[in-house]
Amino acid sequence: MSSKSTLFNARRTFNTSHGAVDYYAISVLEDAGLIEIAKTPYSIRVLLENTLRKADEGLATDEHVK
């Protein structure tokens, strides 16, 4: 598994038997002190992951995540 330079360095890659897969780890937000994953509703986690993904595309900023 590797990490690529993105907002909060959230983009991760892991290899499967079918090729590499990228995902955005919201655990970086917990590491930054912004959320507590265990106390965050699943629906909000999905929205946060999507915001990190959109930030990587240039459509959101760190302020949107915060």
N, C-alpha and C. Protein backbone atom coordinates (compact mmCIF):
# COMPACT_ATOMS: atom_id res chain seq x y z
N MET A 1 0.86 -1.18 0.00
CA MET A 1 0.00 0.00 0.00
C MET A 1 0.90 1.23 0.00
N SER A 2 0.53 2.22 -0.75
CA SER A 2 1.32 3.44 -0.81
C SER A 2 0.42 4.65 -0.66
N SER A 3 1.07 5.81 -0.45
CA SER A 3 0.34 7.06 -0.27
C SER A 3 0.79 8.04 -1.35
N LYS A 4 -0.12 8.83 -1.88
CA LYS A 4 0.22 9.84 -2.87
C LYS A 4 -0.05 11.21 -2.26
N SER A 5 0.63 12.23 -2.76
CA SER A 5 0.48 13.57 -2.23
C SER A 5 -0.87 14.15 -2.63
N THR A 6 -1.75 14.33 -1.65
CA THR A 6 -3.07 14.90 -1.86
C THR A 6 -3.41 15.73 -0.63
N LEU A 7 -4.59 16.30 -0.60
CA LEU A 7 -5.05 17.03 0.57
C LEU A 7 -5.00 16.11 1.78
N PHE A 8 -4.31 16.52 2.82
CA PHE A 8 -4.11 15.72 4.03
C PHE A 8 -3.39 14.40 3.73
N ASN A 9 -2.82 14.25 2.54
CA ASN A 9 -2.19 12.99 2.13
C ASN A 9 -3.13 11.81 2.33
N ALA A 10 -4.38 11.99 1.93
CA ALA A 10 -5.43 11.00 2.18
C ALA A 10 -5.51 9.91 1.11
N ARG A 11 -4.98 10.16 -0.05
CA ARG A 11 -5.10 9.17 -1.14
C ARG A 11 -4.17 7.99 -0.88
N ARG A 12 -4.73 6.81 -0.93
CA ARG A 12 -3.97 5.58 -0.69
C ARG A 12 -4.17 4.64 -1.88
N THR A 13 -3.20 3.78 -2.09
CA THR A 13 -3.27 2.77 -3.14
C THR A 13 -2.90 1.43 -2.55
N PHE A 14 -3.69 0.42 -2.88
CA PHE A 14 -3.28 -0.93 -2.51
C PHE A 14 -3.45 -1.82 -3.73
N ASN A 15 -2.63 -2.87 -3.76
CA ASN A 15 -2.63 -3.76 -4.90
C ASN A 15 -3.48 -4.99 -4.62
N THR A 16 -4.25 -5.37 -5.62
CA THR A 16 -5.06 -6.58 -5.55
C THR A 16 -4.62 -7.49 -6.70
N SER A 17 -5.16 -8.68 -6.73
CA SER A 17 -4.83 -9.59 -7.83
C SER A 17 -5.37 -9.07 -9.17
N HIS A 18 -6.27 -8.09 -9.12
CA HIS A 18 -6.85 -7.51 -10.33
C HIS A 18 -6.27 -6.13 -10.66
N GLY A 19 -5.25 -5.71 -9.91
CA GLY A 19 -4.62 -4.43 -10.18
C GLY A 19 -4.69 -3.49 -8.98
N ALA A 20 -4.14 -2.31 -9.16
CA ALA A 20 -4.09 -1.31 -8.09
C ALA A 20 -5.45 -0.64 -7.92
N VAL A 21 -5.76 -0.31 -6.66
CA VAL A 21 -7.02 0.37 -6.32
C VAL A 21 -6.68 1.58 -5.45
N ASP A 22 -7.22 2.74 -5.80
CA ASP A 22 -7.04 3.95 -4.99
C ASP A 22 -8.27 4.18 -4.13
N TYR A 23 -8.04 4.70 -2.94
CA TYR A 23 -9.13 5.11 -2.06
C TYR A 23 -8.65 6.28 -1.23
N TYR A 24 -9.57 6.93 -0.54
CA TYR A 24 -9.24 8.09 0.28
C TYR A 24 -9.53 7.76 1.74
N ALA A 25 -8.49 7.79 2.56
CA ALA A 25 -8.58 7.37 3.96
C ALA A 25 -8.98 8.54 4.84
N ILE A 26 -10.17 8.45 5.44
CA ILE A 26 -10.61 9.53 6.32
C ILE A 26 -9.89 9.47 7.67
N SER A 27 -9.12 8.41 7.89
CA SER A 27 -8.35 8.32 9.13
C SER A 27 -7.36 9.47 9.26
N VAL A 28 -6.95 10.07 8.13
CA VAL A 28 -6.04 11.21 8.19
C VAL A 28 -6.70 12.41 8.87
N LEU A 29 -8.03 12.49 8.76
CA LEU A 29 -8.75 13.59 9.41
C LEU A 29 -8.75 13.40 10.92
N GLU A 30 -8.82 12.16 11.35
CA GLU A 30 -8.73 11.88 12.79
C GLU A 30 -7.31 12.19 13.27
N ASP A 31 -6.31 11.80 12.49
CA ASP A 31 -4.92 12.09 12.84
C ASP A 31 -4.67 13.59 12.95
N ALA A 32 -5.39 14.38 12.15
CA ALA A 32 -5.25 15.85 12.17
C ALA A 32 -6.09 16.48 13.28
N GLY A 33 -6.84 15.65 14.02
CA GLY A 33 -7.65 16.16 15.12
C GLY A 33 -8.96 16.79 14.69
N LEU A 34 -9.42 16.50 13.48
CA LEU A 34 -10.65 17.11 12.97
C LEU A 34 -11.91 16.32 13.31
N ILE A 35 -11.80 15.00 13.40
CA ILE A 35 -12.96 14.17 13.71
C ILE A 35 -12.56 13.01 14.61
N GLU A 36 -13.55 12.37 15.20
CA GLU A 36 -13.36 11.08 15.86
C GLU A 36 -14.19 10.09 15.06
N ILE A 37 -13.51 9.22 14.32
CA ILE A 37 -14.21 8.33 13.40
C ILE A 37 -15.28 7.51 14.11
N ALA A 38 -14.97 6.99 15.29
CA ALA A 38 -15.93 6.14 16.00
C ALA A 38 -17.21 6.88 16.36
N LYS A 39 -17.13 8.19 16.49
CA LYS A 39 -18.30 8.99 16.86
C LYS A 39 -18.95 9.69 15.67
N THR A 40 -18.41 9.47 14.49
CA THR A 40 -18.92 10.12 13.29
C THR A 40 -19.91 9.20 12.58
N PRO A 41 -21.12 9.67 12.33
CA PRO A 41 -22.10 8.84 11.62
C PRO A 41 -21.57 8.38 10.26
N TYR A 42 -21.97 7.18 9.87
CA TYR A 42 -21.51 6.61 8.61
C TYR A 42 -21.79 7.54 7.43
N SER A 43 -22.95 8.15 7.41
CA SER A 43 -23.30 9.03 6.28
C SER A 43 -22.32 10.20 6.17
N ILE A 44 -21.88 10.73 7.31
CA ILE A 44 -20.91 11.83 7.30
C ILE A 44 -19.54 11.33 6.84
N ARG A 45 -19.18 10.11 7.22
CA ARG A 45 -17.91 9.53 6.75
C ARG A 45 -17.89 9.44 5.23
N VAL A 46 -19.01 9.03 4.65
CA VAL A 46 -19.11 8.92 3.19
C VAL A 46 -18.94 10.31 2.56
N LEU A 47 -19.59 11.31 3.14
CA LEU A 47 -19.47 12.67 2.62
C LEU A 47 -18.04 13.21 2.75
N LEU A 48 -17.38 12.90 3.86
CA LEU A 48 -16.00 13.34 4.05
C LEU A 48 -15.07 12.69 3.03
N GLU A 49 -15.26 11.39 2.80
CA GLU A 49 -14.43 10.70 1.81
C GLU A 49 -14.64 11.32 0.44
N ASN A 50 -15.87 11.63 0.10
CA ASN A 50 -16.16 12.24 -1.19
C ASN A 50 -15.54 13.63 -1.29
N THR A 51 -15.55 14.39 -0.21
CA THR A 51 -14.94 15.72 -0.21
C THR A 51 -13.44 15.62 -0.42
N LEU A 52 -12.79 14.64 0.22
CA LEU A 52 -11.36 14.42 -0.01
C LEU A 52 -11.10 14.06 -1.47
N ARG A 53 -11.96 13.24 -2.04
CA ARG A 53 -11.82 12.85 -3.45
C ARG A 53 -11.98 14.07 -4.36
N LYS A 54 -12.96 14.90 -4.08
CA LYS A 54 -13.19 16.10 -4.90
C LYS A 54 -12.06 17.11 -4.74
N ALA A 55 -11.46 17.17 -3.56
CA ALA A 55 -10.32 18.06 -3.35
C ALA A 55 -9.15 17.62 -4.23
N ASP A 56 -8.98 16.32 -4.38
CA ASP A 56 -7.92 15.81 -5.23
C ASP A 56 -8.17 16.18 -6.69
N GLU A 57 -9.43 16.36 -7.05
CA GLU A 57 -9.79 16.76 -8.42
C GLU A 57 -9.79 18.29 -8.57
N GLY A 58 -9.53 19.02 -7.47
CA GLY A 58 -9.50 20.47 -7.52
C GLY A 58 -10.86 21.12 -7.32
N LEU A 59 -11.86 20.35 -6.92
CA LEU A 59 -13.22 20.87 -6.78
C LEU A 59 -13.58 21.22 -5.34
N ALA A 60 -12.69 20.94 -4.40
CA ALA A 60 -12.92 21.27 -2.99
C ALA A 60 -11.58 21.65 -2.37
N THR A 61 -11.62 22.30 -1.22
CA THR A 61 -10.40 22.73 -0.53
C THR A 61 -10.39 22.15 0.88
N ASP A 62 -9.29 22.39 1.59
CA ASP A 62 -9.22 21.92 2.98
C ASP A 62 -10.29 22.58 3.83
N GLU A 63 -10.72 23.78 3.46
CA GLU A 63 -11.79 24.45 4.21
C GLU A 63 -13.12 23.70 4.07
N HIS A 64 -13.36 23.11 2.92
CA HIS A 64 -14.57 22.30 2.75
C HIS A 64 -14.54 21.09 3.68
N VAL A 65 -13.37 20.51 3.83
CA VAL A 65 -13.23 19.33 4.70
C VAL A 65 -13.41 19.72 6.15
N LYS A 66 -12.81 20.86 6.54
CA LYS A 66 -12.90 21.29 7.94
C LYS A 66 -14.32 21.68 8.27
